[in-house]
Amino acid sequence: MSLSSQQRPFSVCAAGRNGVFIPLAASTVAAGFPSPADDYLDRPLDFNELLVENPAATFAVRVAGESMTGAGLYPGDIAVVNRARNPVSGNVVLALIDGDFTIKRYRRRGVHIRLAAENPKFSDIVISEGVTFEVWGVVTHSIRML
């Protein structure tokens, strides 16, 4: 994903409307063969509780590009980003590099940082001297519209 610094990430209310909760079935649903449904529901599902660890530090961005398809992030998906989390090697992060946003896999070995693409068609980004670089947050969830 590449986003110019002029296009700041947008905020999102995960519930959509205040106080709206979605019923959650108490049983799982088989994706292969039909299974009889249970006659009861689990507690209501609150998408804020499911997706937002730290409301004051959480925002969402829409993914563009195909460099992270191997990590399950596709064009049009919404990435939920937590700015309060410190990135550790292996996290998927939203980073600002020389004024452009990108989502990549954060790889750190000692003082060396590499932002790895999760698609072999794309090159990794090695953070070298002279590059302006900042991790804006750790991607904690993604939402895909079918």
C-alpha atoms as a PDB file:
ATOM      1  CA  MET A   1       0.000   0.000   0.000  1.00  0.00           C
ATOM      2  CA  SER A   2       1.310   3.387  -0.847  1.00  0.00           C
ATOM      3  CA  LEU A   3      -0.407   6.533   0.325  1.00  0.00           C
ATOM      4  CA  SER A   4       0.934  10.048  -0.040  1.00  0.00           C
ATOM      5  CA  SER A   5       1.520  12.086   3.097  1.00  0.00           C
ATOM      6  CA  GLN A   6      -1.278  14.380   1.912  1.00  0.00           C
ATOM      7  CA  GLN A   7      -3.768  11.508   2.298  1.00  0.00           C
ATOM      8  CA  ARG A   8      -3.839  10.882   6.025  1.00  0.00           C
ATOM      9  CA  PRO A   9      -5.385   7.670   7.385  1.00  0.00           C
ATOM     10  CA  PHE A  10      -9.053   8.054   8.255  1.00  0.00           C
ATOM     11  CA  SER A  11     -10.826   7.268  11.503  1.00  0.00           C
ATOM     12  CA  VAL A  12     -13.523   4.631  11.655  1.00  0.00           C
ATOM     13  CA  CYS A  13     -16.161   3.647  14.178  1.00  0.00           C
ATOM     14  CA  ALA A  14     -16.106  -0.151  14.134  1.00  0.00           C
ATOM     15  CA  ALA A  15     -19.710  -0.490  15.319  1.00  0.00           C
ATOM     16  CA  GLY A  16     -20.999   1.836  12.613  1.00  0.00           C
ATOM     17  CA  ARG A  17     -23.695   3.216  14.875  1.00  0.00           C
ATOM     18  CA  ASN A  18     -23.445   3.839  18.596  1.00  0.00           C
ATOM     19  CA  GLY A  19     -24.925   0.998  20.607  1.00  0.00           C
ATOM     20  CA  VAL A  20     -25.477  -1.389  17.691  1.00  0.00           C
ATOM     21  CA  PHE A  21     -24.387  -4.946  18.381  1.00  0.00           C
ATOM     22  CA  ILE A  22     -24.547  -7.879  16.011  1.00  0.00           C
ATOM     23  CA  PRO A  23     -25.848 -11.270  17.242  1.00  0.00           C
ATOM     24  CA  LEU A  24     -23.180 -13.978  17.288  1.00  0.00           C
ATOM     25  CA  ALA A  25     -24.196 -17.616  16.855  1.00  0.00           C
ATOM     26  CA  ALA A  26     -22.865 -19.795  19.652  1.00  0.00           C
ATOM     27  CA  SER A  27     -21.733 -22.514  17.272  1.00  0.00           C
ATOM     28  CA  THR A  28     -19.298 -22.473  14.390  1.00  0.00           C
ATOM     29  CA  VAL A  29     -20.446 -22.952  10.817  1.00  0.00           C
ATOM     30  CA  ALA A  30     -18.798 -25.521   8.594  1.00  0.00           C
ATOM     31  CA  ALA A  31     -17.476 -24.026   5.379  1.00  0.00           C
ATOM     32  CA  GLY A  32     -17.565 -27.390   3.604  1.00  0.00           C
ATOM     33  CA  PHE A  33     -20.652 -29.411   4.521  1.00  0.00           C
ATOM     34  CA  PRO A  34     -23.920 -28.209   6.126  1.00  0.00           C
ATOM     35  CA  SER A  35     -24.256 -28.581   9.874  1.00  0.00           C
ATOM     36  CA  PRO A  36     -27.456 -28.287  11.951  1.00  0.00           C
ATOM     37  CA  ALA A  37     -27.720 -24.845  13.568  1.00  0.00           C
ATOM     38  CA  ASP A  38     -28.064 -24.477  17.308  1.00  0.00           C
ATOM     39  CA  ASP A  39     -31.233 -22.889  18.654  1.00  0.00           C
ATOM     40  CA  TYR A  40     -29.442 -20.239  20.718  1.00  0.00           C
ATOM     41  CA  LEU A  41     -27.114 -17.321  20.280  1.00  0.00           C
ATOM     42  CA  ASP A  42     -23.971 -16.377  22.170  1.00  0.00           C
ATOM     43  CA  ARG A  43     -23.659 -12.871  23.641  1.00  0.00           C
ATOM     44  CA  PRO A  44     -23.881 -10.008  21.101  1.00  0.00           C
ATOM     45  CA  LEU A  45     -20.724  -9.312  19.134  1.00  0.00           C
ATOM     46  CA  ASP A  46     -19.277  -5.824  19.585  1.00  0.00           C
ATOM     47  CA  PHE A  47     -16.921  -5.018  16.701  1.00  0.00           C
ATOM     48  CA  ASN A  48     -15.208  -2.316  18.778  1.00  0.00           C
ATOM     49  CA  GLU A  49     -14.334  -4.949  21.384  1.00  0.00           C
ATOM     50  CA  LEU A  50     -13.185  -7.365  18.680  1.00  0.00           C
ATOM     51  CA  LEU A  51     -11.069  -4.967  16.596  1.00  0.00           C
ATOM     52  CA  VAL A  52      -9.997  -2.091  18.844  1.00  0.00           C
ATOM     53  CA  GLU A  53      -7.444  -2.694  21.600  1.00  0.00           C
ATOM     54  CA  ASN A  54      -6.786   0.960  22.353  1.00  0.00           C
ATOM     55  CA  PRO A  55      -9.482   3.350  21.048  1.00  0.00           C
ATOM     56  CA  ALA A  56      -7.358   6.490  21.435  1.00  0.00           C
ATOM     57  CA  ALA A  57      -4.535   4.968  19.354  1.00  0.00           C
ATOM     58  CA  THR A  58      -6.491   2.992  16.746  1.00  0.00           C
ATOM     59  CA  PHE A  59      -7.351   4.035  13.202  1.00  0.00           C
ATOM     60  CA  ALA A  60      -8.016   2.336   9.876  1.00  0.00           C
ATOM     61  CA  VAL A  61      -6.620   2.644   6.362  1.00  0.00           C
ATOM     62  CA  ARG A  62      -7.763   1.170   3.073  1.00  0.00           C
ATOM     63  CA  VAL A  63      -5.173  -1.062   1.423  1.00  0.00           C
ATOM     64  CA  ALA A  64      -4.037  -0.311  -2.126  1.00  0.00           C
ATOM     65  CA  GLY A  65      -1.628  -2.445  -4.131  1.00  0.00           C
ATOM     66  CA  GLU A  66      -0.745  -6.128  -4.023  1.00  0.00           C
ATOM     67  CA  SER A  67       2.592  -6.248  -2.169  1.00  0.00           C
ATOM     68  CA  MET A  68       1.033  -7.832   0.943  1.00  0.00           C
ATOM     69  CA  THR A  69      -1.307 -10.448  -0.546  1.00  0.00           C
ATOM     70  CA  GLY A  70       0.808 -13.233   0.985  1.00  0.00           C
ATOM     71  CA  ALA A  71      -0.097 -11.828   4.410  1.00  0.00           C
ATOM     72  CA  GLY A  72      -3.795 -11.761   3.511  1.00  0.00           C
ATOM     73  CA  LEU A  73      -3.995  -8.016   2.769  1.00  0.00           C
ATOM     74  CA  TYR A  74      -5.617  -7.329  -0.611  1.00  0.00           C
ATOM     75  CA  PRO A  75      -6.528  -4.119  -2.460  1.00  0.00           C
ATOM     76  CA  GLY A  76      -9.683  -2.638  -0.931  1.00  0.00           C
ATOM     77  CA  ASP A  77      -9.234  -4.335   2.448  1.00  0.00           C
ATOM     78  CA  ILE A  78      -9.311  -2.180   5.555  1.00  0.00           C
ATOM     79  CA  ALA A  79      -6.281  -2.472   7.839  1.00  0.00           C
ATOM     80  CA  VAL A  80      -6.839  -1.691  11.528  1.00  0.00           C
ATOM     81  CA  VAL A  81      -3.723  -0.009  12.936  1.00  0.00           C
ATOM     82  CA  ASN A  82      -2.734   0.377  16.598  1.00  0.00           C
ATOM     83  CA  ARG A  83      -0.287   3.263  17.121  1.00  0.00           C
ATOM     84  CA  ALA A  84       0.254   2.312  20.769  1.00  0.00           C
ATOM     85  CA  ARG A  85       1.950  -1.006  19.943  1.00  0.00           C
ATOM     86  CA  ASN A  86       5.716  -1.015  19.563  1.00  0.00           C
ATOM     87  CA  PRO A  87       6.677  -2.985  16.458  1.00  0.00           C
ATOM     88  CA  VAL A  88       8.636  -6.198  16.872  1.00  0.00           C
ATOM     89  CA  SER A  89      10.276  -8.137  14.096  1.00  0.00           C
ATOM     90  CA  GLY A  90       7.605 -10.055  12.208  1.00  0.00           C
ATOM     91  CA  ASN A  91       4.758  -7.550  12.747  1.00  0.00           C
ATOM     92  CA  VAL A  92       2.924  -6.062   9.797  1.00  0.00           C
ATOM     93  CA  VAL A  93       3.279  -2.290  10.141  1.00  0.00           C
ATOM     94  CA  LEU A  94       2.103   0.945   8.585  1.00  0.00           C
ATOM     95  CA  ALA A  95       5.275   2.931   7.937  1.00  0.00           C
ATOM     96  CA  LEU A  96       6.080   6.374   6.600  1.00  0.00           C
ATOM     97  CA  ILE A  97       9.129   6.332   4.307  1.00  0.00           C
ATOM     98  CA  ASP A  98      10.339   9.597   2.787  1.00  0.00           C
ATOM     99  CA  GLY A  99       6.803  11.012   2.977  1.00  0.00           C
ATOM    100  CA  ASP A 100       4.921   7.998   1.578  1.00  0.00           C
ATOM    101  CA  PHE A 101       2.919   5.438   3.548  1.00  0.00           C
ATOM    102  CA  THR A 102       3.348   1.711   3.023  1.00  0.00           C
ATOM    103  CA  ILE A 103       2.248  -1.490   4.745  1.00  0.00           C
ATOM    104  CA  LYS A 104       4.953  -4.146   4.998  1.00  0.00           C
ATOM    105  CA  ARG A 105       6.316  -6.886   7.264  1.00  0.00           C
ATOM    106  CA  TYR A 106       8.763  -5.289   9.750  1.00  0.00           C
ATOM    107  CA  ARG A 107      12.070  -7.150   9.994  1.00  0.00           C
ATOM    108  CA  ARG A 108      14.734  -5.947  12.401  1.00  0.00           C
ATOM    109  CA  ARG A 109      18.113  -7.557  13.037  1.00  0.00           C
ATOM    110  CA  GLY A 110      20.204  -5.433  15.387  1.00  0.00           C
ATOM    111  CA  VAL A 111      20.224  -1.915  13.933  1.00  0.00           C
ATOM    112  CA  HIS A 112      19.255  -3.093  10.430  1.00  0.00           C
ATOM    113  CA  ILE A 113      15.626  -2.670   9.406  1.00  0.00           C
ATOM    114  CA  ARG A 114      13.991  -4.156   6.342  1.00  0.00           C
ATOM    115  CA  LEU A 115      10.354  -3.834   5.317  1.00  0.00           C
ATOM    116  CA  ALA A 116       9.455  -7.073   3.593  1.00  0.00           C
ATOM    117  CA  ALA A 117       6.827  -7.446   0.903  1.00  0.00           C
ATOM    118  CA  GLU A 118       4.621 -10.540   1.129  1.00  0.00           C
ATOM    119  CA  ASN A 119       4.420 -11.017  -2.622  1.00  0.00           C
ATOM    120  CA  PRO A 120       7.429 -12.236  -4.650  1.00  0.00           C
ATOM    121  CA  LYS A 121       6.625  -9.720  -7.408  1.00  0.00           C
ATOM    122  CA  PHE A 122       7.677  -6.883  -5.072  1.00  0.00           C
ATOM    123  CA  SER A 123      11.057  -5.969  -3.602  1.00  0.00           C
ATOM    124  CA  ASP A 124      11.728  -5.442   0.079  1.00  0.00           C
ATOM    125  CA  ILE A 125      12.632  -1.969   1.313  1.00  0.00           C
ATOM    126  CA  VAL A 126      15.920  -1.670   3.191  1.00  0.00           C
ATOM    127  CA  ILE A 127      16.015   1.305   5.535  1.00  0.00           C
ATOM    128  CA  SER A 128      19.396   2.937   5.053  1.00  0.00           C
ATOM    129  CA  GLU A 129      21.048   6.147   6.227  1.00  0.00           C
ATOM    130  CA  GLY A 130      19.423   9.248   4.803  1.00  0.00           C
ATOM    131  CA  VAL A 131      15.980   7.630   4.562  1.00  0.00           C
ATOM    132  CA  THR A 132      13.276   9.330   6.615  1.00  0.00           C
ATOM    133  CA  PHE A 133      11.477   6.437   8.309  1.00  0.00           C
ATOM    134  CA  GLU A 134       8.824   6.107  10.998  1.00  0.00           C
ATOM    135  CA  VAL A 135       6.561   3.248  12.025  1.00  0.00           C
ATOM    136  CA  TRP A 136       3.084   4.713  12.419  1.00  0.00           C
ATOM    137  CA  GLY A 137       1.599   1.615  13.983  1.00  0.00           C
ATOM    138  CA  VAL A 138       1.146  -2.130  13.962  1.00  0.00           C
ATOM    139  CA  VAL A 139      -1.587  -3.645  11.798  1.00  0.00           C
ATOM    140  CA  THR A 140      -3.670  -5.744  14.184  1.00  0.00           C
ATOM    141  CA  HIS A 141      -6.606  -6.784  11.975  1.00  0.00           C
ATOM    142  CA  SER A 142      -7.869  -6.591   8.428  1.00  0.00           C
ATOM    143  CA  ILE A 143     -11.410  -6.395   7.149  1.00  0.00           C
ATOM    144  CA  ARG A 144     -12.350  -7.704   3.715  1.00  0.00           C
ATOM    145  CA  MET A 145     -15.565  -6.849   1.939  1.00  0.00           C
ATOM    146  CA  LEU A 146     -16.881  -9.744  -0.142  1.00  0.00           C
END
